[in-house]
PDB file of N, CA and C in Angstrom:
ATOM      1  N   MET A   1       6.638  23.083 -15.383  1.00  0.00           N
ATOM      2  CA  MET A   1       5.531  22.783 -14.505  1.00  0.00           C
ATOM      3  C   MET A   1       4.803  24.060 -14.068  1.00  0.00           C
ATOM      4  N   GLU A   2       5.569  25.113 -13.872  1.00  0.00           N
ATOM      5  CA  GLU A   2       4.934  26.359 -13.435  1.00  0.00           C
ATOM      6  C   GLU A   2       3.943  26.876 -14.476  1.00  0.00           C
ATOM      7  N   LEU A   3       4.278  26.718 -15.753  1.00  0.00           N
ATOM      8  CA  LEU A   3       3.369  27.155 -16.808  1.00  0.00           C
ATOM      9  C   LEU A   3       2.063  26.350 -16.758  1.00  0.00           C
ATOM     10  N   ILE A   4       2.166  25.051 -16.526  1.00  0.00           N
ATOM     11  CA  ILE A   4       0.974  24.209 -16.438  1.00  0.00           C
ATOM     12  C   ILE A   4       0.140  24.628 -15.227  1.00  0.00           C
ATOM     13  N   LYS A   5       0.778  24.913 -14.115  1.00  0.00           N
ATOM     14  CA  LYS A   5       0.046  25.371 -12.919  1.00  0.00           C
ATOM     15  C   LYS A   5      -0.677  26.684 -13.206  1.00  0.00           C
ATOM     16  N   TRP A   6      -0.042  27.557 -13.956  1.00  0.00           N
ATOM     17  CA  TRP A   6      -0.650  28.842 -14.284  1.00  0.00           C
ATOM     18  C   TRP A   6      -1.791  28.680 -15.276  1.00  0.00           C
ATOM     19  N   LEU A   7      -1.598  27.854 -16.308  1.00  0.00           N
ATOM     20  CA  LEU A   7      -2.616  27.660 -17.338  1.00  0.00           C
ATOM     21  C   LEU A   7      -3.837  26.888 -16.828  1.00  0.00           C
ATOM     22  N   ARG A   8      -3.605  25.889 -15.963  1.00  0.00           N
ATOM     23  CA  ARG A   8      -4.666  25.045 -15.418  1.00  0.00           C
ATOM     24  C   ARG A   8      -5.561  24.467 -16.520  1.00  0.00           C
ATOM     25  N   PRO A   9      -4.983  23.739 -17.485  1.00  0.00           N
ATOM     26  CA  PRO A   9      -5.789  23.220 -18.596  1.00  0.00           C
ATOM     27  C   PRO A   9      -6.758  22.139 -18.135  1.00  0.00           C
ATOM     28  N   ASP A  10      -7.935  22.077 -18.761  1.00  0.00           N
ATOM     29  CA  ASP A  10      -8.907  21.042 -18.442  1.00  0.00           C
ATOM     30  C   ASP A  10      -8.555  19.716 -19.100  1.00  0.00           C
ATOM     31  N   ALA A  11      -7.784  19.750 -20.173  1.00  0.00           N
ATOM     32  CA  ALA A  11      -7.384  18.524 -20.864  1.00  0.00           C
ATOM     33  C   ALA A  11      -5.934  18.654 -21.297  1.00  0.00           C
ATOM     34  N   MET A  12      -5.224  17.538 -21.269  1.00  0.00           N
ATOM     35  CA  MET A  12      -3.837  17.515 -21.733  1.00  0.00           C
ATOM     36  C   MET A  12      -3.565  16.198 -22.429  1.00  0.00           C
ATOM     37  N   ASN A  13      -2.778  16.243 -23.488  1.00  0.00           N
ATOM     38  CA  ASN A  13      -2.286  15.037 -24.135  1.00  0.00           C
ATOM     39  C   ASN A  13      -0.847  14.859 -23.670  1.00  0.00           C
ATOM     40  N   ILE A  14      -0.648  13.944 -22.750  1.00  0.00           N
ATOM     41  CA  ILE A  14       0.681  13.722 -22.194  1.00  0.00           C
ATOM     42  C   ILE A  14       1.220  12.425 -22.784  1.00  0.00           C
ATOM     43  N   SER A  15       2.204  12.566 -23.662  1.00  0.00           N
ATOM     44  CA  SER A  15       2.822  11.382 -24.258  1.00  0.00           C
ATOM     45  C   SER A  15       4.329  11.565 -24.229  1.00  0.00           C
ATOM     46  N   ARG A  16       5.023  10.473 -24.041  1.00  0.00           N
ATOM     47  CA  ARG A  16       6.482  10.532 -23.959  1.00  0.00           C
ATOM     48  C   ARG A  16       7.096  10.651 -25.342  1.00  0.00           C
ATOM     49  N   PHE A  17       8.111  11.482 -25.455  1.00  0.00           N
ATOM     50  CA  PHE A  17       8.812  11.674 -26.732  1.00  0.00           C
ATOM     51  C   PHE A  17       9.883  10.609 -26.904  1.00  0.00           C
ATOM     52  N   TRP A  18      10.005  10.131 -28.090  1.00  0.00           N
ATOM     53  CA  TRP A  18      11.166   9.347 -28.482  1.00  0.00           C
ATOM     54  C   TRP A  18      11.445   9.651 -29.943  1.00  0.00           C
ATOM     55  N   SER A  19      12.698   9.580 -30.298  1.00  0.00           N
ATOM     56  CA  SER A  19      13.056   9.899 -31.682  1.00  0.00           C
ATOM     57  C   SER A  19      12.723   8.704 -32.571  1.00  0.00           C
ATOM     58  N   ARG A  20      12.162   9.000 -33.715  1.00  0.00           N
ATOM     59  CA  ARG A  20      11.808   7.950 -34.667  1.00  0.00           C
ATOM     60  C   ARG A  20      13.014   7.671 -35.559  1.00  0.00           C
ATOM     61  N   PRO A  21      13.280   6.414 -35.811  1.00  0.00           N
ATOM     62  CA  PRO A  21      14.425   6.059 -36.672  1.00  0.00           C
ATOM     63  C   PRO A  21      14.350   6.783 -38.025  1.00  0.00           C
ATOM     64  N   GLY A  22      15.495   7.279 -38.468  1.00  0.00           N
ATOM     65  CA  GLY A  22      15.569   7.943 -39.764  1.00  0.00           C
ATOM     66  C   GLY A  22      15.231   9.427 -39.723  1.00  0.00           C
ATOM     67  N   THR A  23      14.921   9.971 -38.545  1.00  0.00           N
ATOM     68  CA  THR A  23      14.607  11.397 -38.451  1.00  0.00           C
ATOM     69  C   THR A  23      15.804  12.152 -37.883  1.00  0.00           C
ATOM     70  N   GLU A  24      15.780  13.482 -38.035  1.00  0.00           N
ATOM     71  CA  GLU A  24      16.866  14.309 -37.504  1.00  0.00           C
ATOM     72  C   GLU A  24      16.954  14.218 -35.986  1.00  0.00           C
ATOM     73  N   ALA A  25      15.853  13.903 -35.338  1.00  0.00           N
ATOM     74  CA  ALA A  25      15.843  13.820 -33.874  1.00  0.00           C
ATOM     75  C   ALA A  25      16.798  12.748 -33.360  1.00  0.00           C
ATOM     76  N   THR A  26      17.041  11.709 -34.149  1.00  0.00           N
ATOM     77  CA  THR A  26      17.964  10.653 -33.703  1.00  0.00           C
ATOM     78  C   THR A  26      19.399  11.156 -33.629  1.00  0.00           C
ATOM     79  N   LEU A  27      19.677  12.255 -34.341  1.00  0.00           N
ATOM     80  CA  LEU A  27      21.033  12.817 -34.351  1.00  0.00           C
ATOM     81  C   LEU A  27      21.251  13.857 -33.254  1.00  0.00           C
ATOM     82  N   MET A  28      20.177  14.286 -32.615  1.00  0.00           N
ATOM     83  CA  MET A  28      20.291  15.334 -31.592  1.00  0.00           C
ATOM     84  C   MET A  28      21.008  14.794 -30.358  1.00  0.00           C
ATOM     85  N   LYS A  29      21.875  15.604 -29.818  1.00  0.00           N
ATOM     86  CA  LYS A  29      22.608  15.227 -28.605  1.00  0.00           C
ATOM     87  C   LYS A  29      22.443  16.342 -27.589  1.00  0.00           C
ATOM     88  N   PRO A  30      22.367  16.079 -26.311  1.00  0.00           N
ATOM     89  CA  PRO A  30      22.308  14.736 -25.736  1.00  0.00           C
ATOM     90  C   PRO A  30      20.890  14.180 -25.773  1.00  0.00           C
ATOM     91  N   GLN A  31      20.765  12.867 -25.773  1.00  0.00           N
ATOM     92  CA  GLN A  31      19.471  12.194 -25.698  1.00  0.00           C
ATOM     93  C   GLN A  31      19.149  11.970 -24.212  1.00  0.00           C
ATOM     94  N   LEU A  32      17.910  12.212 -23.845  1.00  0.00           N
ATOM     95  CA  LEU A  32      17.510  11.960 -22.458  1.00  0.00           C
ATOM     96  C   LEU A  32      17.330  10.468 -22.239  1.00  0.00           C
ATOM     97  N   PRO A  33      17.744   9.985 -21.067  1.00  0.00           N
ATOM     98  CA  PRO A  33      17.520   8.565 -20.759  1.00  0.00           C
ATOM     99  C   PRO A  33      16.018   8.284 -20.614  1.00  0.00           C
ATOM    100  N   GLY A  34      15.621   7.083 -20.949  1.00  0.00           N
ATOM    101  CA  GLY A  34      14.225   6.679 -20.854  1.00  0.00           C
ATOM    102  C   GLY A  34      13.641   6.879 -19.464  1.00  0.00           C
ATOM    103  N   ARG A  35      14.431   6.639 -18.435  1.00  0.00           N
ATOM    104  CA  ARG A  35      13.947   6.814 -17.055  1.00  0.00           C
ATOM    105  C   ARG A  35      13.587   8.272 -16.763  1.00  0.00           C
ATOM    106  N   GLU A  36      14.379   9.185 -17.294  1.00  0.00           N
ATOM    107  CA  GLU A  36      14.101  10.614 -17.084  1.00  0.00           C
ATOM    108  C   GLU A  36      12.836  11.023 -17.832  1.00  0.00           C
ATOM    109  N   ILE A  37      12.668  10.516 -19.032  1.00  0.00           N
ATOM    110  CA  ILE A  37      11.453  10.811 -19.798  1.00  0.00           C
ATOM    111  C   ILE A  37      10.232  10.296 -19.038  1.00  0.00           C
ATOM    112  N   LYS A  38      10.326   9.074 -18.513  1.00  0.00           N
ATOM    113  CA  LYS A  38       9.211   8.503 -17.751  1.00  0.00           C
ATOM    114  C   LYS A  38       8.951   9.308 -16.478  1.00  0.00           C
ATOM    115  N   ARG A  39       9.997   9.713 -15.769  1.00  0.00           N
ATOM    116  CA  ARG A  39       9.833  10.493 -14.537  1.00  0.00           C
ATOM    117  C   ARG A  39       9.091  11.797 -14.816  1.00  0.00           C
ATOM    118  N   ARG A  40       9.490  12.478 -15.885  1.00  0.00           N
ATOM    119  CA  ARG A  40       8.849  13.748 -16.248  1.00  0.00           C
ATOM    120  C   ARG A  40       7.382  13.534 -16.633  1.00  0.00           C
ATOM    121  N   SER A  41       7.117  12.486 -17.384  1.00  0.00           N
ATOM    122  CA  SER A  41       5.754  12.177 -17.795  1.00  0.00           C
ATOM    123  C   SER A  41       4.879  11.868 -16.581  1.00  0.00           C
ATOM    124  N   THR A  42       5.395  11.086 -15.652  1.00  0.00           N
ATOM    125  CA  THR A  42       4.663  10.742 -14.434  1.00  0.00           C
ATOM    126  C   THR A  42       4.385  11.984 -13.605  1.00  0.00           C
ATOM    127  N   GLU A  43       5.391  12.841 -13.456  1.00  0.00           N
ATOM    128  CA  GLU A  43       5.228  14.076 -12.691  1.00  0.00           C
ATOM    129  C   GLU A  43       4.161  14.973 -13.318  1.00  0.00           C
ATOM    130  N   LEU A  44       4.178  15.090 -14.629  1.00  0.00           N
ATOM    131  CA  LEU A  44       3.197  15.909 -15.323  1.00  0.00           C
ATOM    132  C   LEU A  44       1.790  15.326 -15.191  1.00  0.00           C
ATOM    133  N   ASN A  45       1.668  14.010 -15.286  1.00  0.00           N
ATOM    134  CA  ASN A  45       0.373  13.355 -15.097  1.00  0.00           C
ATOM    135  C   ASN A  45      -0.190  13.608 -13.704  1.00  0.00           C
ATOM    136  N   GLU A  46       0.638  13.482 -12.690  1.00  0.00           N
ATOM    137  CA  GLU A  46       0.189  13.708 -11.310  1.00  0.00           C
ATOM    138  C   GLU A  46      -0.260  15.153 -11.115  1.00  0.00           C
ATOM    139  N   LEU A  47       0.483  16.104 -11.661  1.00  0.00           N
ATOM    140  CA  LEU A  47       0.103  17.508 -11.554  1.00  0.00           C
ATOM    141  C   LEU A  47      -1.233  17.749 -12.256  1.00  0.00           C
ATOM    142  N   TRP A  48      -1.386  17.213 -13.472  1.00  0.00           N
ATOM    143  CA  TRP A  48      -2.632  17.416 -14.204  1.00  0.00           C
ATOM    144  C   TRP A  48      -3.819  16.821 -13.461  1.00  0.00           C
ATOM    145  N   ARG A  49      -3.656  15.645 -12.873  1.00  0.00           N
ATOM    146  CA  ARG A  49      -4.759  15.021 -12.124  1.00  0.00           C
ATOM    147  C   ARG A  49      -5.209  15.924 -10.972  1.00  0.00           C
ATOM    148  N   GLN A  50      -4.273  16.506 -10.251  1.00  0.00           N
ATOM    149  CA  GLN A  50      -4.626  17.388  -9.136  1.00  0.00           C
ATOM    150  C   GLN A  50      -5.309  18.653  -9.647  1.00  0.00           C
ATOM    151  N   LEU A  51      -4.745  19.265 -10.673  1.00  0.00           N
ATOM    152  CA  LEU A  51      -5.349  20.478 -11.218  1.00  0.00           C
ATOM    153  C   LEU A  51      -6.735  20.192 -11.773  1.00  0.00           C
ATOM    154  N   ASN A  52      -6.908  19.041 -12.425  1.00  0.00           N
ATOM    155  CA  ASN A  52      -8.188  18.678 -13.009  1.00  0.00           C
ATOM    156  C   ASN A  52      -9.245  18.486 -11.927  1.00  0.00           C
ATOM    157  N   TYR A  53      -8.874  17.842 -10.823  1.00  0.00           N
ATOM    158  CA  TYR A  53      -9.826  17.650  -9.723  1.00  0.00           C
ATOM    159  C   TYR A  53     -10.197  19.008  -9.113  1.00  0.00           C
ATOM    160  N   ASP A  54      -9.214  19.884  -8.928  1.00  0.00           N
ATOM    161  CA  ASP A  54      -9.482  21.226  -8.383  1.00  0.00           C
ATOM    162  C   ASP A  54     -10.434  21.993  -9.298  1.00  0.00           C
ATOM    163  N   SER A  55     -10.215  21.883 -10.608  1.00  0.00           N
ATOM    164  CA  SER A  55     -11.071  22.567 -11.577  1.00  0.00           C
ATOM    165  C   SER A  55     -12.497  22.040 -11.510  1.00  0.00           C
ATOM    166  N   ALA A  56     -12.647  20.713 -11.464  1.00  0.00           N
ATOM    167  CA  ALA A  56     -13.977  20.110 -11.388  1.00  0.00           C
ATOM    168  C   ALA A  56     -14.678  20.504 -10.092  1.00  0.00           C
ATOM    169  N   SER A  57     -13.945  20.599  -9.011  1.00  0.00           N
ATOM    170  CA  SER A  57     -14.535  20.943  -7.706  1.00  0.00           C
ATOM    171  C   SER A  57     -15.208  22.309  -7.725  1.00  0.00           C
ATOM    172  N   ARG A  58     -14.709  23.224  -8.532  1.00  0.00           N
ATOM    173  CA  ARG A  58     -15.313  24.561  -8.604  1.00  0.00           C
ATOM    174  C   ARG A  58     -16.693  24.533  -9.248  1.00  0.00           C
ATOM    175  N   TRP A  59     -17.023  23.452  -9.959  1.00  0.00           N
ATOM    176  CA  TRP A  59     -18.319  23.336 -10.612  1.00  0.00           C
ATOM    177  C   TRP A  59     -19.384  22.693  -9.722  1.00  0.00           C
ATOM    178  N   VAL A  60     -18.981  22.152  -8.580  1.00  0.00           N
ATOM    179  CA  VAL A  60     -19.959  21.540  -7.667  1.00  0.00           C
ATOM    180  C   VAL A  60     -20.937  22.623  -7.224  1.00  0.00           C
ATOM    181  N   GLY A  61     -22.227  22.325  -7.340  1.00  0.00           N
ATOM    182  CA  GLY A  61     -23.271  23.295  -7.024  1.00  0.00           C
ATOM    183  C   GLY A  61     -23.846  23.979  -8.249  1.00  0.00           C
ATOM    184  N   TRP A  62     -23.169  23.855  -9.394  1.00  0.00           N
ATOM    185  CA  TRP A  62     -23.657  24.467 -10.629  1.00  0.00           C
ATOM    186  C   TRP A  62     -24.965  23.811 -11.030  1.00  0.00           C
ATOM    187  N   GLU A  63     -25.900  24.621 -11.515  1.00  0.00           N
ATOM    188  CA  GLU A  63     -27.170  24.122 -12.021  1.00  0.00           C
ATOM    189  C   GLU A  63     -27.382  24.656 -13.422  1.00  0.00           C
ATOM    190  N   GLY A  64     -27.831  23.783 -14.318  1.00  0.00           N
ATOM    191  CA  GLY A  64     -28.090  24.223 -15.676  1.00  0.00           C
ATOM    192  C   GLY A  64     -28.411  23.063 -16.583  1.00  0.00           C
ATOM    193  N   GLU A  65     -28.430  23.369 -17.871  1.00  0.00           N
ATOM    194  CA  GLU A  65     -28.828  22.389 -18.876  1.00  0.00           C
ATOM    195  C   GLU A  65     -27.620  21.630 -19.410  1.00  0.00           C
ATOM    196  N   ILE A  66     -27.797  20.325 -19.613  1.00  0.00           N
ATOM    197  CA  ILE A  66     -26.777  19.508 -20.268  1.00  0.00           C
ATOM    198  C   ILE A  66     -27.419  18.768 -21.437  1.00  0.00           C
ATOM    199  N   LEU A  67     -26.589  18.378 -22.376  1.00  0.00           N
ATOM    200  CA  LEU A  67     -27.003  17.530 -23.483  1.00  0.00           C
ATOM    201  C   LEU A  67     -26.436  16.140 -23.211  1.00  0.00           C
ATOM    202  N   LEU A  68     -27.319  15.164 -23.067  1.00  0.00           N
ATOM    203  CA  LEU A  68     -26.864  13.797 -22.834  1.00  0.00           C
ATOM    204  C   LEU A  68     -26.232  13.260 -24.112  1.00  0.00           C
ATOM    205  N   ASP A  69     -25.018  12.683 -23.953  1.00  0.00           N
ATOM    206  CA  ASP A  69     -24.339  12.212 -25.157  1.00  0.00           C
ATOM    207  C   ASP A  69     -23.893  10.759 -25.098  1.00  0.00           C
ATOM    208  N   GLY A  70     -24.210  10.032 -24.038  1.00  0.00           N
ATOM    209  CA  GLY A  70     -23.856   8.618 -24.032  1.00  0.00           C
ATOM    210  C   GLY A  70     -23.921   7.986 -22.667  1.00  0.00           C
ATOM    211  N   ALA A  71     -23.624   6.697 -22.652  1.00  0.00           N
ATOM    212  CA  ALA A  71     -23.640   5.924 -21.411  1.00  0.00           C
ATOM    213  C   ALA A  71     -22.340   6.130 -20.657  1.00  0.00           C
ATOM    214  N   GLY A  72     -22.469   6.178 -19.338  1.00  0.00           N
ATOM    215  CA  GLY A  72     -21.302   6.281 -18.467  1.00  0.00           C
ATOM    216  C   GLY A  72     -21.035   4.946 -17.797  1.00  0.00           C
ATOM    217  N   HIS A  73     -20.385   4.972 -16.655  1.00  0.00           N
ATOM    218  CA  HIS A  73     -20.090   3.767 -15.889  1.00  0.00           C
ATOM    219  C   HIS A  73     -21.244   3.442 -14.950  1.00  0.00           C
ATOM    220  N   SER A  74     -21.379   2.187 -14.613  1.00  0.00           N
ATOM    221  CA  SER A  74     -22.341   1.709 -13.610  1.00  0.00           C
ATOM    222  C   SER A  74     -23.771   2.146 -13.906  1.00  0.00           C
ATOM    223  N   GLY A  75     -24.161   2.104 -15.162  1.00  0.00           N
ATOM    224  CA  GLY A  75     -25.539   2.400 -15.525  1.00  0.00           C
ATOM    225  C   GLY A  75     -25.907   3.870 -15.557  1.00  0.00           C
ATOM    226  N   THR A  76     -24.938   4.751 -15.532  1.00  0.00           N
ATOM    227  CA  THR A  76     -25.233   6.183 -15.589  1.00  0.00           C
ATOM    228  C   THR A  76     -25.256   6.665 -17.032  1.00  0.00           C
ATOM    229  N   MET A  77     -25.781   7.857 -17.213  1.00  0.00           N
ATOM    230  CA  MET A  77     -25.715   8.550 -18.495  1.00  0.00           C
ATOM    231  C   MET A  77     -24.795   9.749 -18.303  1.00  0.00           C
ATOM    232  N   VAL A  78     -24.147  10.167 -19.376  1.00  0.00           N
ATOM    233  CA  VAL A  78     -23.205  11.277 -19.322  1.00  0.00           C
ATOM    234  C   VAL A  78     -23.669  12.368 -20.277  1.00  0.00           C
ATOM    235  N   GLY A  79     -23.594  13.602 -19.803  1.00  0.00           N
ATOM    236  CA  GLY A  79     -23.911  14.747 -20.634  1.00  0.00           C
ATOM    237  C   GLY A  79     -22.886  15.834 -20.436  1.00  0.00           C
ATOM    238  N   ARG A  80     -22.963  16.858 -21.262  1.00  0.00           N
ATOM    239  CA  ARG A  80     -22.023  17.981 -21.163  1.00  0.00           C
ATOM    240  C   ARG A  80     -22.789  19.289 -21.117  1.00  0.00           C
ATOM    241  N   ASN A  81     -22.242  20.225 -20.340  1.00  0.00           N
ATOM    242  CA  ASN A  81     -22.876  21.538 -20.224  1.00  0.00           C
ATOM    243  C   ASN A  81     -22.293  22.510 -21.245  1.00  0.00           C
ATOM    244  N   PHE A  82     -22.651  23.775 -21.120  1.00  0.00           N
ATOM    245  CA  PHE A  82     -22.205  24.798 -22.078  1.00  0.00           C
ATOM    246  C   PHE A  82     -20.689  24.924 -22.134  1.00  0.00           C
ATOM    247  N   ALA A  83     -19.995  24.564 -21.057  1.00  0.00           N
ATOM    248  CA  ALA A  83     -18.540  24.664 -21.007  1.00  0.00           C
ATOM    249  C   ALA A  83     -17.867  23.323 -21.302  1.00  0.00           C
ATOM    250  N   TYR A  84     -18.646  22.368 -21.805  1.00  0.00           N
ATOM    251  CA  TYR A  84     -18.187  21.037 -22.167  1.00  0.00           C
ATOM    252  C   TYR A  84     -17.728  20.230 -20.965  1.00  0.00           C
ATOM    253  N   LYS A  85     -18.198  20.586 -19.767  1.00  0.00           N
ATOM    254  CA  LYS A  85     -17.911  19.820 -18.559  1.00  0.00           C
ATOM    255  C   LYS A  85     -18.773  18.568 -18.564  1.00  0.00           C
ATOM    256  N   GLU A  86     -18.154  17.431 -18.319  1.00  0.00           N
ATOM    257  CA  GLU A  86     -18.857  16.158 -18.326  1.00  0.00           C
ATOM    258  C   GLU A  86     -19.544  15.926 -16.984  1.00  0.00           C
ATOM    259  N   ILE A  87     -20.834  15.606 -17.031  1.00  0.00           N
ATOM    260  CA  ILE A  87     -21.613  15.355 -15.826  1.00  0.00           C
ATOM    261  C   ILE A  87     -22.320  14.015 -15.979  1.00  0.00           C
ATOM    262  N   ALA A  88     -22.071  13.100 -15.030  1.00  0.00           N
ATOM    263  CA  ALA A  88     -22.696  11.779 -15.045  1.00  0.00           C
ATOM    264  C   ALA A  88     -23.838  11.765 -14.037  1.00  0.00           C
ATOM    265  N   LEU A  89     -24.941  11.101 -14.402  1.00  0.00           N
ATOM    266  CA  LEU A  89     -26.060  10.982 -13.480  1.00  0.00           C
ATOM    267  C   LEU A  89     -26.899   9.767 -13.824  1.00  0.00           C
ATOM    268  N   GLU A  90     -27.661   9.316 -12.849  1.00  0.00           N
ATOM    269  CA  GLU A  90     -28.573   8.201 -13.061  1.00  0.00           C
ATOM    270  C   GLU A  90     -29.864   8.757 -13.638  1.00  0.00           C
ATOM    271  N   THR A  91     -30.219   8.277 -14.838  1.00  0.00           N
ATOM    272  CA  THR A  91     -31.434   8.721 -15.512  1.00  0.00           C
ATOM    273  C   THR A  91     -31.809   7.715 -16.584  1.00  0.00           C
ATOM    274  N   GLU A  92     -33.068   7.704 -16.929  1.00  0.00           N
ATOM    275  CA  GLU A  92     -33.563   6.864 -18.021  1.00  0.00           C
ATOM    276  C   GLU A  92     -33.635   7.652 -19.328  1.00  0.00           C
ATOM    277  N   VAL A  93     -33.332   8.946 -19.272  1.00  0.00           N
ATOM    278  CA  VAL A  93     -33.381   9.803 -20.457  1.00  0.00           C
ATOM    279  C   VAL A  93     -32.289   9.348 -21.429  1.00  0.00           C
ATOM    280  N   LYS A  94     -32.604   9.317 -22.699  1.00  0.00           N
ATOM    281  CA  LYS A  94     -31.702   8.803 -23.730  1.00  0.00           C
ATOM    282  C   LYS A  94     -30.773   9.892 -24.282  1.00  0.00           C
ATOM    283  N   PRO A  95     -29.630   9.481 -24.863  1.00  0.00           N
ATOM    284  CA  PRO A  95     -28.715  10.445 -25.486  1.00  0.00           C
ATOM    285  C   PRO A  95     -29.425  11.274 -26.555  1.00  0.00           C
ATOM    286  N   GLY A  96     -28.990  12.521 -26.679  1.00  0.00           N
ATOM    287  CA  GLY A  96     -29.588  13.438 -27.639  1.00  0.00           C
ATOM    288  C   GLY A  96     -30.611  14.359 -27.018  1.00  0.00           C
ATOM    289  N   ASN A  97     -30.975  14.092 -25.768  1.00  0.00           N
ATOM    290  CA  ASN A  97     -31.947  14.922 -25.055  1.00  0.00           C
ATOM    291  C   ASN A  97     -31.252  15.885 -24.108  1.00  0.00           C
ATOM    292  N   PHE A  98     -31.896  17.017 -23.883  1.00  0.00           N
ATOM    293  CA  PHE A  98     -31.417  18.000 -22.912  1.00  0.00           C
ATOM    294  C   PHE A  98     -32.128  17.768 -21.588  1.00  0.00           C
ATOM    295  N   MET A  99     -31.446  18.106 -20.499  1.00  0.00           N
ATOM    296  CA  MET A  99     -32.099  18.070 -19.196  1.00  0.00           C
ATOM    297  C   MET A  99     -31.394  19.026 -18.245  1.00  0.00           C
ATOM    298  N   PHE A 100     -32.125  19.473 -17.228  1.00  0.00           N
ATOM    299  CA  PHE A 100     -31.565  20.355 -16.216  1.00  0.00           C
ATOM    300  C   PHE A 100     -31.033  19.522 -15.065  1.00  0.00           C
ATOM    301  N   VAL A 101     -29.829  19.848 -14.618  1.00  0.00           N
ATOM    302  CA  VAL A 101     -29.170  19.080 -13.566  1.00  0.00           C
ATOM    303  C   VAL A 101     -28.494  20.012 -12.568  1.00  0.00           C
ATOM    304  N   LYS A 102     -28.097  19.416 -11.454  1.00  0.00           N
ATOM    305  CA  LYS A 102     -27.262  20.112 -10.473  1.00  0.00           C
ATOM    306  C   LYS A 102     -26.030  19.249 -10.250  1.00  0.00           C
ATOM    307  N   ALA A 103     -24.838  19.826 -10.390  1.00  0.00           N
ATOM    308  CA  ALA A 103     -23.588  19.113 -10.140  1.00  0.00           C
ATOM    309  C   ALA A 103     -23.423  18.958  -8.635  1.00  0.00           C
ATOM    310  N   THR A 104     -23.225  17.712  -8.184  1.00  0.00           N
ATOM    311  CA  THR A 104     -23.190  17.448  -6.743  1.00  0.00           C
ATOM    312  C   THR A 104     -21.839  16.974  -6.228  1.00  0.00           C
ATOM    313  N   LYS A 105     -20.995  16.447  -7.118  1.00  0.00           N
ATOM    314  CA  LYS A 105     -19.725  15.890  -6.662  1.00  0.00           C
ATOM    315  C   LYS A 105     -18.696  15.941  -7.783  1.00  0.00           C
ATOM    316  N   ALA A 106     -17.442  16.208  -7.412  1.00  0.00           N
ATOM    317  CA  ALA A 106     -16.353  16.238  -8.395  1.00  0.00           C
ATOM    318  C   ALA A 106     -15.643  14.902  -8.414  1.00  0.00           C
ATOM    319  N   GLY A 107     -15.249  14.476  -9.608  1.00  0.00           N
ATOM    320  CA  GLY A 107     -14.438  13.279  -9.777  1.00  0.00           C
ATOM    321  C   GLY A 107     -13.212  13.628 -10.594  1.00  0.00           C
ATOM    322  N   GLN A 108     -12.477  12.605 -10.983  1.00  0.00           N
ATOM    323  CA  GLN A 108     -11.267  12.810 -11.761  1.00  0.00           C
ATOM    324  C   GLN A 108     -11.639  13.028 -13.220  1.00  0.00           C
ATOM    325  N   GLY A 109     -11.808  14.286 -13.619  1.00  0.00           N
ATOM    326  CA  GLY A 109     -12.138  14.614 -14.999  1.00  0.00           C
ATOM    327  C   GLY A 109     -13.615  14.664 -15.304  1.00  0.00           C
ATOM    328  N   PHE A 110     -14.471  14.575 -14.293  1.00  0.00           N
ATOM    329  CA  PHE A 110     -15.900  14.616 -14.527  1.00  0.00           C
ATOM    330  C   PHE A 110     -16.620  15.066 -13.254  1.00  0.00           C
ATOM    331  N   LEU A 111     -17.911  15.304 -13.392  1.00  0.00           N
ATOM    332  CA  LEU A 111     -18.767  15.647 -12.265  1.00  0.00           C
ATOM    333  C   LEU A 111     -19.898  14.634 -12.203  1.00  0.00           C
ATOM    334  N   THR A 112     -20.484  14.456 -11.028  1.00  0.00           N
ATOM    335  CA  THR A 112     -21.719  13.698 -10.927  1.00  0.00           C
ATOM    336  C   THR A 112     -22.803  14.688 -10.561  1.00  0.00           C
ATOM    337  N   GLY A 113     -24.015  14.368 -10.947  1.00  0.00           N
ATOM    338  CA  GLY A 113     -25.110  15.286 -10.701  1.00  0.00           C
ATOM    339  C   GLY A 113     -26.426  14.579 -10.514  1.00  0.00           C
ATOM    340  N   VAL A 114     -27.439  15.386 -10.270  1.00  0.00           N
ATOM    341  CA  VAL A 114     -28.809  14.890 -10.106  1.00  0.00           C
ATOM    342  C   VAL A 114     -29.720  15.744 -10.979  1.00  0.00           C
ATOM    343  N   LYS A 115     -30.819  15.116 -11.391  1.00  0.00           N
ATOM    344  CA  LYS A 115     -31.814  15.828 -12.193  1.00  0.00           C
ATOM    345  C   LYS A 115     -32.482  16.894 -11.325  1.00  0.00           C
ATOM    346  N   LYS A 116     -32.714  18.092 -11.927  1.00  0.00           N
ATOM    347  CA  LYS A 116     -33.388  19.194 -11.231  1.00  0.00           C
ATOM    348  C   LYS A 116     -34.834  19.224 -11.602  1.00  0.00           C
TER     349      LYS A 116
END
């Protein structure tokens, strides 16, 4: 966990390990109980969510250009900036277009913004 806190990754693929039948992993001892694997996965997910929100919060107030790349939730459009940060905003501008925005609020893995 300390390494994850130090690295502060913006994205993580968190999946639980299990040995596949017929592989050498099935012969490894000791095998961790399923509950322990789930506990570790849950703990890692919770840590990543907090770190991700903290990371997004540092971008609030940023102004610059984004490339709109698709529809978001609740009628918003989503674009990404030079650092691939996702910013959602209400606009009629279609995907594939650039626009200048200001990041106004941090969410879980994304930012919301307004057109500048």
